[in-house]
Amino acid sequence: FPAAAQRAAVATITTEKLRNYLTFIASDALGGRDTPSPGLDAAAEFIAFHLRQWGYRPAGDGGTVFQKMVLQ
């Protein structure tokens, strides 16, 4: 992540934006984000979308921002 791009991304973060992001992630609309659940998937997609918008390079499985984990 180039330093200039990082500074530009950080400069766009506001208290209001952070409040809006966290309000969505914590909202009842995501149904508690049980593992596994549609709410958890929606939260992950929301975060992945923003990471792509902010220019972060994927470092997860198959060139994505996701990493699969086996839960037993």
N, C-alpha and C. Protein backbone atom coordinates (compact mmCIF):
# COMPACT_ATOMS: atom_id res chain seq x y z
N PHE A 1 0.86 -1.17 0.00
CA PHE A 1 0.00 0.00 0.00
C PHE A 1 0.90 1.22 0.00
N PRO A 2 0.99 1.95 -1.10
CA PRO A 2 1.89 3.10 -1.18
C PRO A 2 1.58 4.15 -0.12
N ALA A 3 2.62 4.77 0.40
CA ALA A 3 2.46 5.74 1.49
C ALA A 3 1.53 6.89 1.11
N ALA A 4 1.63 7.39 -0.11
CA ALA A 4 0.78 8.51 -0.54
C ALA A 4 -0.69 8.09 -0.56
N ALA A 5 -0.97 6.88 -1.06
CA ALA A 5 -2.35 6.39 -1.10
C ALA A 5 -2.87 6.17 0.31
N GLN A 6 -2.02 5.69 1.19
CA GLN A 6 -2.42 5.47 2.58
C GLN A 6 -2.77 6.79 3.24
N ARG A 7 -1.95 7.80 3.05
CA ARG A 7 -2.24 9.12 3.63
C ARG A 7 -3.55 9.67 3.09
N ALA A 8 -3.80 9.48 1.80
CA ALA A 8 -5.04 9.96 1.19
C ALA A 8 -6.25 9.24 1.78
N ALA A 9 -6.13 7.92 1.97
CA ALA A 9 -7.24 7.15 2.54
C ALA A 9 -7.50 7.58 3.98
N VAL A 10 -6.46 7.73 4.75
CA VAL A 10 -6.61 8.14 6.15
C VAL A 10 -7.24 9.53 6.24
N ALA A 11 -6.92 10.40 5.31
CA ALA A 11 -7.46 11.76 5.33
C ALA A 11 -8.96 11.78 5.09
N THR A 12 -9.52 10.72 4.50
CA THR A 12 -10.95 10.69 4.22
C THR A 12 -11.77 10.10 5.36
N ILE A 13 -11.10 9.54 6.37
CA ILE A 13 -11.83 8.92 7.49
C ILE A 13 -12.36 10.01 8.40
N THR A 14 -13.64 9.93 8.69
CA THR A 14 -14.26 10.89 9.61
C THR A 14 -14.98 10.12 10.72
N THR A 15 -15.26 10.82 11.79
CA THR A 15 -16.01 10.22 12.88
C THR A 15 -17.37 9.74 12.39
N GLU A 16 -18.01 10.53 11.54
CA GLU A 16 -19.32 10.16 11.02
C GLU A 16 -19.26 8.89 10.18
N LYS A 17 -18.23 8.76 9.32
CA LYS A 17 -18.09 7.56 8.51
C LYS A 17 -17.88 6.33 9.38
N LEU A 18 -16.99 6.45 10.35
CA LEU A 18 -16.74 5.32 11.25
C LEU A 18 -18.00 4.93 12.01
N ARG A 19 -18.74 5.91 12.47
CA ARG A 19 -20.00 5.64 13.18
C ARG A 19 -20.97 4.90 12.26
N ASN A 20 -21.08 5.34 11.01
CA ASN A 20 -21.98 4.69 10.06
C ASN A 20 -21.55 3.25 9.77
N TYR A 21 -20.25 3.01 9.58
CA TYR A 21 -19.77 1.65 9.33
C TYR A 21 -20.08 0.75 10.51
N LEU A 22 -19.74 1.20 11.70
CA LEU A 22 -19.95 0.38 12.89
C LEU A 22 -21.42 0.19 13.21
N THR A 23 -22.24 1.20 12.94
CA THR A 23 -23.68 1.07 13.15
C THR A 23 -24.23 -0.03 12.26
N PHE A 24 -23.78 -0.10 11.01
CA PHE A 24 -24.24 -1.16 10.11
C PHE A 24 -23.76 -2.52 10.59
N ILE A 25 -22.47 -2.64 10.89
CA ILE A 25 -21.91 -3.92 11.32
C ILE A 25 -22.61 -4.45 12.57
N ALA A 26 -22.99 -3.55 13.47
CA ALA A 26 -23.63 -3.95 14.73
C ALA A 26 -25.15 -4.01 14.64
N SER A 27 -25.71 -3.72 13.48
CA SER A 27 -27.16 -3.60 13.37
C SER A 27 -27.89 -4.95 13.47
N ASP A 28 -29.14 -4.87 13.87
CA ASP A 28 -30.00 -6.06 13.91
C ASP A 28 -30.21 -6.64 12.52
N ALA A 29 -30.03 -5.83 11.48
CA ALA A 29 -30.22 -6.30 10.11
C ALA A 29 -29.28 -7.47 9.78
N LEU A 30 -28.15 -7.55 10.47
CA LEU A 30 -27.20 -8.63 10.21
C LEU A 30 -27.48 -9.85 11.09
N GLY A 31 -28.50 -9.80 11.90
CA GLY A 31 -28.97 -10.97 12.61
C GLY A 31 -28.00 -11.59 13.60
N GLY A 32 -27.12 -10.81 14.18
CA GLY A 32 -26.22 -11.33 15.19
C GLY A 32 -24.93 -11.93 14.66
N ARG A 33 -24.84 -12.12 13.36
CA ARG A 33 -23.63 -12.63 12.72
C ARG A 33 -23.16 -13.96 13.32
N ASP A 34 -24.08 -14.90 13.49
CA ASP A 34 -23.73 -16.23 13.96
C ASP A 34 -22.81 -16.90 12.94
N THR A 35 -22.09 -17.93 13.34
CA THR A 35 -21.17 -18.62 12.45
C THR A 35 -21.71 -20.00 12.13
N PRO A 36 -22.01 -20.34 10.92
CA PRO A 36 -22.15 -19.47 9.75
C PRO A 36 -23.54 -18.83 9.72
N SER A 37 -23.67 -17.77 8.97
CA SER A 37 -24.97 -17.12 8.83
C SER A 37 -24.92 -16.12 7.68
N PRO A 38 -26.09 -15.78 7.15
CA PRO A 38 -26.15 -14.75 6.11
C PRO A 38 -25.66 -13.39 6.65
N GLY A 39 -25.91 -13.11 7.93
CA GLY A 39 -25.46 -11.85 8.51
C GLY A 39 -23.95 -11.75 8.57
N LEU A 40 -23.30 -12.85 8.90
CA LEU A 40 -21.83 -12.87 8.92
C LEU A 40 -21.29 -12.66 7.51
N ASP A 41 -21.91 -13.32 6.53
CA ASP A 41 -21.49 -13.14 5.14
C ASP A 41 -21.67 -11.69 4.68
N ALA A 42 -22.79 -11.08 5.08
CA ALA A 42 -23.05 -9.68 4.70
C ALA A 42 -22.02 -8.75 5.33
N ALA A 43 -21.68 -8.98 6.59
CA ALA A 43 -20.66 -8.16 7.26
C ALA A 43 -19.31 -8.31 6.56
N ALA A 44 -18.96 -9.54 6.20
CA ALA A 44 -17.68 -9.78 5.51
C ALA A 44 -17.65 -9.09 4.15
N GLU A 45 -18.74 -9.17 3.41
CA GLU A 45 -18.80 -8.51 2.10
C GLU A 45 -18.71 -6.99 2.24
N PHE A 46 -19.35 -6.44 3.27
CA PHE A 46 -19.31 -5.01 3.53
C PHE A 46 -17.86 -4.56 3.77
N ILE A 47 -17.16 -5.30 4.62
CA ILE A 47 -15.77 -4.97 4.93
C ILE A 47 -14.89 -5.15 3.69
N ALA A 48 -15.09 -6.24 2.95
CA ALA A 48 -14.30 -6.49 1.74
C ALA A 48 -14.51 -5.39 0.70
N PHE A 49 -15.75 -4.97 0.53
CA PHE A 49 -16.06 -3.89 -0.40
C PHE A 49 -15.25 -2.65 -0.06
N HIS A 50 -15.25 -2.28 1.21
CA HIS A 50 -14.54 -1.07 1.61
C HIS A 50 -13.02 -1.24 1.50
N LEU A 51 -12.51 -2.40 1.81
CA LEU A 51 -11.07 -2.62 1.64
C LEU A 51 -10.68 -2.43 0.18
N ARG A 52 -11.50 -2.95 -0.74
CA ARG A 52 -11.21 -2.75 -2.17
C ARG A 52 -11.29 -1.26 -2.54
N GLN A 53 -12.31 -0.57 -2.04
CA GLN A 53 -12.48 0.85 -2.33
C GLN A 53 -11.28 1.66 -1.83
N TRP A 54 -10.72 1.24 -0.71
CA TRP A 54 -9.59 1.97 -0.12
C TRP A 54 -8.26 1.55 -0.71
N GLY A 55 -8.27 0.61 -1.65
CA GLY A 55 -7.06 0.25 -2.36
C GLY A 55 -6.20 -0.82 -1.71
N TYR A 56 -6.73 -1.54 -0.74
CA TYR A 56 -5.95 -2.60 -0.12
C TYR A 56 -5.84 -3.77 -1.08
N ARG A 57 -4.67 -4.39 -1.10
CA ARG A 57 -4.44 -5.55 -1.96
C ARG A 57 -4.92 -6.81 -1.25
N PRO A 58 -5.64 -7.66 -1.94
CA PRO A 58 -6.09 -8.91 -1.35
C PRO A 58 -4.91 -9.79 -0.96
N ALA A 59 -4.98 -10.41 0.20
CA ALA A 59 -3.92 -11.32 0.65
C ALA A 59 -4.53 -12.62 1.16
N GLY A 60 -5.77 -12.87 0.77
CA GLY A 60 -6.46 -14.07 1.23
C GLY A 60 -6.43 -15.18 0.21
N ASP A 61 -7.29 -16.15 0.43
CA ASP A 61 -7.37 -17.32 -0.44
C ASP A 61 -7.77 -16.93 -1.86
N GLY A 62 -7.08 -17.50 -2.83
CA GLY A 62 -7.43 -17.32 -4.23
C GLY A 62 -7.41 -15.88 -4.70
N GLY A 63 -6.56 -15.05 -4.10
CA GLY A 63 -6.48 -13.65 -4.51
C GLY A 63 -7.61 -12.78 -4.00
N THR A 64 -8.34 -13.26 -2.99
CA THR A 64 -9.43 -12.48 -2.41
C THR A 64 -9.00 -11.91 -1.06
N VAL A 65 -9.89 -11.19 -0.42
CA VAL A 65 -9.61 -10.70 0.93
C VAL A 65 -10.11 -11.70 1.98
N PHE A 66 -10.64 -12.83 1.54
CA PHE A 66 -11.21 -13.82 2.45
C PHE A 66 -10.24 -14.97 2.69
N GLN A 67 -10.34 -15.54 3.89
CA GLN A 67 -9.56 -16.72 4.23
C GLN A 67 -10.52 -17.73 4.86
N LYS A 68 -10.58 -18.92 4.26
CA LYS A 68 -11.47 -19.95 4.81
C LYS A 68 -10.83 -20.61 6.01
N MET A 69 -11.67 -20.85 7.01
CA MET A 69 -11.22 -21.52 8.23
C MET A 69 -12.19 -22.64 8.54
N VAL A 70 -11.67 -23.76 8.96
CA VAL A 70 -12.50 -24.90 9.33
C VAL A 70 -12.80 -24.80 10.83
N LEU A 71 -14.07 -24.80 11.17
CA LEU A 71 -14.50 -24.78 12.56
C LEU A 71 -15.09 -26.14 12.90
N GLN A 72 -14.67 -26.69 13.99
CA GLN A 72 -15.18 -28.00 14.38
C GLN A 72 -15.99 -27.92 15.65
